[in-house]
């Protein structure tokens, strides 16, 4: 198991299954389940991550993303607001002002999968920028390990192993995170076919 996934294998699989509508972890790149008619189905692991994110963003639990899920904030848009607003503007295929899980997964396939960091939709850059500003509490343009740990705590991420993600996000190993590191982490979350750090993003949309 990659070091940035925490808990026992059974607990990880249970969380994935709950977030992805009953899917169970089957391999490093796909998950599998059985459809209602008995057909085998598969879902790429990045889609499992996105499906889990959908559940976190759907704060009123009505099965869609909409402005009703956005909490008011005093200091500008929150990371969750940036994501939901971006998703709705770019991926609401039937323009009804709401986004279903299927619409989100289709949008990710169409507009995000296969792109480089530099060609991601602008709202994902805005998301990474917003997260970074929230982490960089002293405003020096870098995020230290203590700042990262405090950010996780503010987002109610209390898993004792979550801070280990810092080392995986710190691509050059210099002991601090840059905005480019966060943009790369955002890209990996939405596109990687293997397990990647995700506690930081869960904290971001919960803060």
C-alpha atoms as a PDB file:
ATOM      1  CA  UNK A   1       0.000   0.000   0.000  1.00  0.00           C
ATOM      2  CA  UNK A   2       1.427   3.445  -0.839  1.00  0.00           C
ATOM      3  CA  UNK A   3       2.617   5.311   2.223  1.00  0.00           C
ATOM      4  CA  UNK A   4       0.182   8.160   1.623  1.00  0.00           C
ATOM      5  CA  UNK A   5      -2.873   5.967   2.075  1.00  0.00           C
ATOM      6  CA  UNK A   6      -3.726   5.475   5.713  1.00  0.00           C
ATOM      7  CA  UNK A   7      -5.696   3.043   7.812  1.00  0.00           C
ATOM      8  CA  UNK A   8      -6.065  -0.660   7.223  1.00  0.00           C
ATOM      9  CA  UNK A   9      -6.736  -1.975   3.712  1.00  0.00           C
ATOM     10  CA  UNK A  10     -10.258  -2.889   4.732  1.00  0.00           C
ATOM     11  CA  UNK A  11     -11.046   0.610   5.991  1.00  0.00           C
ATOM     12  CA  UNK A  12      -9.643   2.215   2.838  1.00  0.00           C
ATOM     13  CA  UNK A  13     -11.734  -0.060   0.646  1.00  0.00           C
ATOM     14  CA  UNK A  14     -14.826   0.614   2.712  1.00  0.00           C
ATOM     15  CA  UNK A  15     -14.418   4.371   2.347  1.00  0.00           C
ATOM     16  CA  UNK A  16     -13.903   4.052  -1.409  1.00  0.00           C
ATOM     17  CA  UNK A  17     -16.928   1.818  -1.710  1.00  0.00           C
ATOM     18  CA  UNK A  18     -19.143   4.241   0.154  1.00  0.00           C
ATOM     19  CA  UNK A  19     -18.010   7.210  -1.907  1.00  0.00           C
ATOM     20  CA  UNK A  20     -18.329   5.493  -5.252  1.00  0.00           C
ATOM     21  CA  UNK A  21     -21.742   3.949  -4.843  1.00  0.00           C
ATOM     22  CA  UNK A  22     -20.674   0.516  -3.673  1.00  0.00           C
ATOM     23  CA  UNK A  23     -17.442   0.048  -5.610  1.00  0.00           C
ATOM     24  CA  UNK A  24     -14.725  -2.093  -4.036  1.00  0.00           C
ATOM     25  CA  UNK A  25     -11.029  -1.547  -4.618  1.00  0.00           C
ATOM     26  CA  UNK A  26      -9.740  -4.115  -7.110  1.00  0.00           C
ATOM     27  CA  UNK A  27      -6.384  -2.864  -8.426  1.00  0.00           C
ATOM     28  CA  UNK A  28      -4.065   0.126  -8.447  1.00  0.00           C
ATOM     29  CA  UNK A  29      -5.791   1.697 -11.437  1.00  0.00           C
ATOM     30  CA  UNK A  30      -9.402   0.504 -11.480  1.00  0.00           C
ATOM     31  CA  UNK A  31     -12.183  -0.516  -9.183  1.00  0.00           C
ATOM     32  CA  UNK A  32     -14.840  -3.043 -10.071  1.00  0.00           C
ATOM     33  CA  UNK A  33     -18.422  -3.757  -9.148  1.00  0.00           C
ATOM     34  CA  UNK A  34     -21.469  -5.545 -10.474  1.00  0.00           C
ATOM     35  CA  UNK A  35     -24.221  -3.539 -12.152  1.00  0.00           C
ATOM     36  CA  UNK A  36     -27.897  -4.113 -11.386  1.00  0.00           C
ATOM     37  CA  UNK A  37     -28.225  -6.394 -14.406  1.00  0.00           C
ATOM     38  CA  UNK A  38     -25.236  -8.502 -13.369  1.00  0.00           C
ATOM     39  CA  UNK A  39     -22.714  -6.996 -15.792  1.00  0.00           C
ATOM     40  CA  UNK A  40     -19.206  -6.346 -14.486  1.00  0.00           C
ATOM     41  CA  UNK A  41     -18.295  -2.653 -14.399  1.00  0.00           C
ATOM     42  CA  UNK A  42     -15.041  -0.811 -13.784  1.00  0.00           C
ATOM     43  CA  UNK A  43     -14.124   2.662 -12.609  1.00  0.00           C
ATOM     44  CA  UNK A  44     -10.671   4.224 -12.827  1.00  0.00           C
ATOM     45  CA  UNK A  45      -9.229   5.115  -9.454  1.00  0.00           C
ATOM     46  CA  UNK A  46      -9.142   8.822 -10.294  1.00  0.00           C
ATOM     47  CA  UNK A  47     -12.901   8.625 -10.842  1.00  0.00           C
ATOM     48  CA  UNK A  48     -13.269   7.046  -7.415  1.00  0.00           C
ATOM     49  CA  UNK A  49     -11.403  10.043  -5.961  1.00  0.00           C
ATOM     50  CA  UNK A  50     -13.638  12.460  -7.874  1.00  0.00           C
ATOM     51  CA  UNK A  51     -16.756  10.576  -6.777  1.00  0.00           C
ATOM     52  CA  UNK A  52     -15.590  10.804  -3.161  1.00  0.00           C
ATOM     53  CA  UNK A  53     -14.984  14.529  -3.675  1.00  0.00           C
ATOM     54  CA  UNK A  54     -18.524  14.915  -5.047  1.00  0.00           C
ATOM     55  CA  UNK A  55     -19.889  13.487  -1.805  1.00  0.00           C
ATOM     56  CA  UNK A  56     -17.870  15.964   0.251  1.00  0.00           C
ATOM     57  CA  UNK A  57     -18.990  18.936  -1.844  1.00  0.00           C
ATOM     58  CA  UNK A  58     -22.649  17.882  -1.778  1.00  0.00           C
ATOM     59  CA  UNK A  59     -23.124  19.387   1.667  1.00  0.00           C
ATOM     60  CA  UNK A  60     -26.925  19.238   1.698  1.00  0.00           C
ATOM     61  CA  UNK A  61     -26.891  15.597   0.536  1.00  0.00           C
ATOM     62  CA  UNK A  62     -29.437  16.084  -2.245  1.00  0.00           C
ATOM     63  CA  UNK A  63     -27.388  14.167  -4.812  1.00  0.00           C
ATOM     64  CA  UNK A  64     -26.376  17.176  -6.936  1.00  0.00           C
ATOM     65  CA  UNK A  65     -23.891  20.043  -6.750  1.00  0.00           C
ATOM     66  CA  UNK A  66     -25.516  23.460  -6.810  1.00  0.00           C
ATOM     67  CA  UNK A  67     -25.187  26.933  -5.265  1.00  0.00           C
ATOM     68  CA  UNK A  68     -27.203  25.529  -2.350  1.00  0.00           C
ATOM     69  CA  UNK A  69     -24.074  23.605  -1.312  1.00  0.00           C
ATOM     70  CA  UNK A  70     -21.996  26.775  -0.920  1.00  0.00           C
ATOM     71  CA  UNK A  71     -21.444  28.136   2.566  1.00  0.00           C
ATOM     72  CA  UNK A  72     -21.021  31.916   2.894  1.00  0.00           C
ATOM     73  CA  UNK A  73     -17.522  33.069   3.814  1.00  0.00           C
ATOM     74  CA  UNK A  74     -16.212  36.386   5.053  1.00  0.00           C
ATOM     75  CA  UNK A  75     -12.813  36.377   3.358  1.00  0.00           C
ATOM     76  CA  UNK A  76     -13.505  35.673  -0.290  1.00  0.00           C
ATOM     77  CA  UNK A  77     -14.358  32.370  -1.996  1.00  0.00           C
ATOM     78  CA  UNK A  78     -13.397  29.193  -0.172  1.00  0.00           C
ATOM     79  CA  UNK A  79     -11.699  26.321  -2.027  1.00  0.00           C
ATOM     80  CA  UNK A  80     -15.033  24.472  -2.072  1.00  0.00           C
ATOM     81  CA  UNK A  81     -16.776  27.501  -3.575  1.00  0.00           C
ATOM     82  CA  UNK A  82     -14.112  27.796  -6.258  1.00  0.00           C
ATOM     83  CA  UNK A  83     -14.515  24.126  -7.189  1.00  0.00           C
ATOM     84  CA  UNK A  84     -18.312  23.995  -7.204  1.00  0.00           C
ATOM     85  CA  UNK A  85     -18.611  27.266  -9.132  1.00  0.00           C
ATOM     86  CA  UNK A  86     -15.992  26.101 -11.637  1.00  0.00           C
ATOM     87  CA  UNK A  87     -17.620  22.706 -12.071  1.00  0.00           C
ATOM     88  CA  UNK A  88     -21.036  24.276 -12.687  1.00  0.00           C
ATOM     89  CA  UNK A  89     -19.789  26.837 -15.194  1.00  0.00           C
ATOM     90  CA  UNK A  90     -17.684  24.349 -17.139  1.00  0.00           C
ATOM     91  CA  UNK A  91     -19.498  21.044 -16.787  1.00  0.00           C
ATOM     92  CA  UNK A  92     -23.240  21.569 -16.253  1.00  0.00           C
ATOM     93  CA  UNK A  93     -24.096  19.881 -19.542  1.00  0.00           C
ATOM     94  CA  UNK A  94     -27.853  20.499 -19.456  1.00  0.00           C
ATOM     95  CA  UNK A  95     -27.484  24.022 -17.990  1.00  0.00           C
ATOM     96  CA  UNK A  96     -30.014  23.442 -15.229  1.00  0.00           C
ATOM     97  CA  UNK A  97     -27.801  25.048 -12.595  1.00  0.00           C
ATOM     98  CA  UNK A  98     -27.047  21.705 -10.971  1.00  0.00           C
ATOM     99  CA  UNK A  99     -24.438  19.003 -11.537  1.00  0.00           C
ATOM    100  CA  UNK A 100     -24.982  15.304 -11.025  1.00  0.00           C
ATOM    101  CA  UNK A 101     -22.234  12.831 -10.221  1.00  0.00           C
ATOM    102  CA  UNK A 102     -22.330  11.543 -13.804  1.00  0.00           C
ATOM    103  CA  UNK A 103     -22.022  15.071 -15.188  1.00  0.00           C
ATOM    104  CA  UNK A 104     -18.982  15.685 -12.997  1.00  0.00           C
ATOM    105  CA  UNK A 105     -17.286  12.452 -14.038  1.00  0.00           C
ATOM    106  CA  UNK A 106     -18.008  13.212 -17.707  1.00  0.00           C
ATOM    107  CA  UNK A 107     -16.599  16.718 -17.289  1.00  0.00           C
ATOM    108  CA  UNK A 108     -13.414  15.356 -15.733  1.00  0.00           C
ATOM    109  CA  UNK A 109     -12.966  12.941 -18.639  1.00  0.00           C
ATOM    110  CA  UNK A 110     -13.656  15.612 -21.230  1.00  0.00           C
ATOM    111  CA  UNK A 111     -11.879  18.649 -19.812  1.00  0.00           C
ATOM    112  CA  UNK A 112      -9.226  17.423 -17.365  1.00  0.00           C
ATOM    113  CA  UNK A 113      -8.018  13.880 -18.158  1.00  0.00           C
ATOM    114  CA  UNK A 114      -4.963  13.883 -20.397  1.00  0.00           C
ATOM    115  CA  UNK A 115      -4.090  17.517 -19.830  1.00  0.00           C
ATOM    116  CA  UNK A 116      -0.845  18.853 -18.424  1.00  0.00           C
ATOM    117  CA  UNK A 117      -0.716  21.024 -15.324  1.00  0.00           C
ATOM    118  CA  UNK A 118      -0.406  24.148 -17.455  1.00  0.00           C
ATOM    119  CA  UNK A 119      -3.487  23.373 -19.557  1.00  0.00           C
ATOM    120  CA  UNK A 120      -5.880  22.498 -16.742  1.00  0.00           C
ATOM    121  CA  UNK A 121      -9.141  24.491 -16.640  1.00  0.00           C
ATOM    122  CA  UNK A 122      -8.484  27.902 -15.059  1.00  0.00           C
ATOM    123  CA  UNK A 123     -10.749  27.206 -12.094  1.00  0.00           C
ATOM    124  CA  UNK A 124      -8.424  24.380 -10.980  1.00  0.00           C
ATOM    125  CA  UNK A 125      -5.518  26.826 -10.918  1.00  0.00           C
ATOM    126  CA  UNK A 126      -7.742  29.188  -8.915  1.00  0.00           C
ATOM    127  CA  UNK A 127      -8.523  26.320  -6.550  1.00  0.00           C
ATOM    128  CA  UNK A 128      -4.846  25.510  -5.973  1.00  0.00           C
ATOM    129  CA  UNK A 129      -4.090  29.216  -5.480  1.00  0.00           C
ATOM    130  CA  UNK A 130      -6.876  29.521  -2.902  1.00  0.00           C
ATOM    131  CA  UNK A 131      -5.686  26.455  -1.005  1.00  0.00           C
ATOM    132  CA  UNK A 132      -2.108  27.694  -1.011  1.00  0.00           C
ATOM    133  CA  UNK A 133      -3.096  31.088   0.409  1.00  0.00           C
ATOM    134  CA  UNK A 134      -4.956  29.303   3.177  1.00  0.00           C
ATOM    135  CA  UNK A 135      -1.934  27.152   4.005  1.00  0.00           C
ATOM    136  CA  UNK A 136       0.661  29.941   3.822  1.00  0.00           C
ATOM    137  CA  UNK A 137      -0.316  31.614   7.066  1.00  0.00           C
ATOM    138  CA  UNK A 138       2.841  33.728   7.361  1.00  0.00           C
ATOM    139  CA  UNK A 139       2.633  34.905   3.747  1.00  0.00           C
ATOM    140  CA  UNK A 140       6.231  34.072   2.839  1.00  0.00           C
ATOM    141  CA  UNK A 141       5.316  32.204  -0.349  1.00  0.00           C
ATOM    142  CA  UNK A 142       6.118  28.772   1.085  1.00  0.00           C
ATOM    143  CA  UNK A 143       4.227  26.290   3.239  1.00  0.00           C
ATOM    144  CA  UNK A 144       6.167  24.572   6.011  1.00  0.00           C
ATOM    145  CA  UNK A 145       5.270  21.283   7.620  1.00  0.00           C
ATOM    146  CA  UNK A 146       3.735  22.967  10.667  1.00  0.00           C
ATOM    147  CA  UNK A 147       1.546  25.151   8.445  1.00  0.00           C
ATOM    148  CA  UNK A 148       0.489  22.075   6.504  1.00  0.00           C
ATOM    149  CA  UNK A 149      -0.408  20.214   9.695  1.00  0.00           C
ATOM    150  CA  UNK A 150      -2.417  23.177  10.955  1.00  0.00           C
ATOM    151  CA  UNK A 151      -4.300  23.364   7.656  1.00  0.00           C
ATOM    152  CA  UNK A 152      -5.255  19.703   7.916  1.00  0.00           C
ATOM    153  CA  UNK A 153      -6.451  20.288  11.458  1.00  0.00           C
ATOM    154  CA  UNK A 154      -8.539  23.289  10.402  1.00  0.00           C
ATOM    155  CA  UNK A 155     -10.233  21.053   7.842  1.00  0.00           C
ATOM    156  CA  UNK A 156     -10.996  18.427  10.493  1.00  0.00           C
ATOM    157  CA  UNK A 157      -8.539  15.903   9.031  1.00  0.00           C
ATOM    158  CA  UNK A 158      -7.319  14.164  12.154  1.00  0.00           C
ATOM    159  CA  UNK A 159      -5.813  10.980  10.705  1.00  0.00           C
ATOM    160  CA  UNK A 160      -2.422  10.677  12.469  1.00  0.00           C
ATOM    161  CA  UNK A 161      -0.739   9.702   9.195  1.00  0.00           C
ATOM    162  CA  UNK A 162      -2.151  12.523   7.078  1.00  0.00           C
ATOM    163  CA  UNK A 163       0.794  14.843   7.689  1.00  0.00           C
ATOM    164  CA  UNK A 164       3.017  12.261   5.969  1.00  0.00           C
ATOM    165  CA  UNK A 165       1.540  13.552   2.715  1.00  0.00           C
ATOM    166  CA  UNK A 166       3.759  16.601   3.068  1.00  0.00           C
ATOM    167  CA  UNK A 167       6.856  14.668   1.964  1.00  0.00           C
ATOM    168  CA  UNK A 168       5.067  13.409  -1.162  1.00  0.00           C
ATOM    169  CA  UNK A 169       3.764  16.856  -2.085  1.00  0.00           C
ATOM    170  CA  UNK A 170       7.211  18.437  -1.541  1.00  0.00           C
ATOM    171  CA  UNK A 171       8.573  17.437  -4.931  1.00  0.00           C
ATOM    172  CA  UNK A 172      12.101  18.786  -4.496  1.00  0.00           C
ATOM    173  CA  UNK A 173      12.405  17.721  -0.869  1.00  0.00           C
ATOM    174  CA  UNK A 174      13.444  21.154   0.407  1.00  0.00           C
ATOM    175  CA  UNK A 175      11.112  21.071   3.388  1.00  0.00           C
ATOM    176  CA  UNK A 176       8.474  23.449   2.047  1.00  0.00           C
ATOM    177  CA  UNK A 177       5.622  23.459  -0.445  1.00  0.00           C
ATOM    178  CA  UNK A 178       5.291  25.986  -3.249  1.00  0.00           C
ATOM    179  CA  UNK A 179       2.288  27.022  -5.297  1.00  0.00           C
ATOM    180  CA  UNK A 180       3.618  24.867  -8.135  1.00  0.00           C
ATOM    181  CA  UNK A 181       3.628  21.865  -5.778  1.00  0.00           C
ATOM    182  CA  UNK A 182      -0.059  22.452  -4.985  1.00  0.00           C
ATOM    183  CA  UNK A 183      -0.940  22.869  -8.652  1.00  0.00           C
ATOM    184  CA  UNK A 184       0.830  19.593  -9.421  1.00  0.00           C
ATOM    185  CA  UNK A 185      -1.004  17.891  -6.552  1.00  0.00           C
ATOM    186  CA  UNK A 186      -4.332  19.159  -7.918  1.00  0.00           C
ATOM    187  CA  UNK A 187      -3.452  17.797 -11.350  1.00  0.00           C
ATOM    188  CA  UNK A 188      -2.528  14.412  -9.889  1.00  0.00           C
ATOM    189  CA  UNK A 189      -5.732  14.196  -7.852  1.00  0.00           C
ATOM    190  CA  UNK A 190      -7.903  14.548 -10.941  1.00  0.00           C
ATOM    191  CA  UNK A 191      -5.828  12.559 -13.423  1.00  0.00           C
ATOM    192  CA  UNK A 192      -3.449  10.034 -11.829  1.00  0.00           C
ATOM    193  CA  UNK A 193      -4.166   6.349 -12.368  1.00  0.00           C
ATOM    194  CA  UNK A 194      -2.458   5.437  -9.104  1.00  0.00           C
ATOM    195  CA  UNK A 195      -3.004   6.378  -5.464  1.00  0.00           C
ATOM    196  CA  UNK A 196      -1.981   9.946  -4.657  1.00  0.00           C
ATOM    197  CA  UNK A 197      -2.150  12.223  -1.588  1.00  0.00           C
ATOM    198  CA  UNK A 198      -5.704  13.422  -1.005  1.00  0.00           C
ATOM    199  CA  UNK A 199      -6.118  14.314   2.685  1.00  0.00           C
ATOM    200  CA  UNK A 200      -4.951  17.847   1.888  1.00  0.00           C
ATOM    201  CA  UNK A 201      -7.743  18.292  -0.650  1.00  0.00           C
ATOM    202  CA  UNK A 202     -10.342  16.850   1.698  1.00  0.00           C
ATOM    203  CA  UNK A 203      -9.201  19.400   4.290  1.00  0.00           C
ATOM    204  CA  UNK A 204      -9.426  22.179   1.699  1.00  0.00           C
ATOM    205  CA  UNK A 205     -13.051  21.526   0.803  1.00  0.00           C
ATOM    206  CA  UNK A 206     -14.002  21.076   4.462  1.00  0.00           C
ATOM    207  CA  UNK A 207     -12.296  24.189   5.838  1.00  0.00           C
END
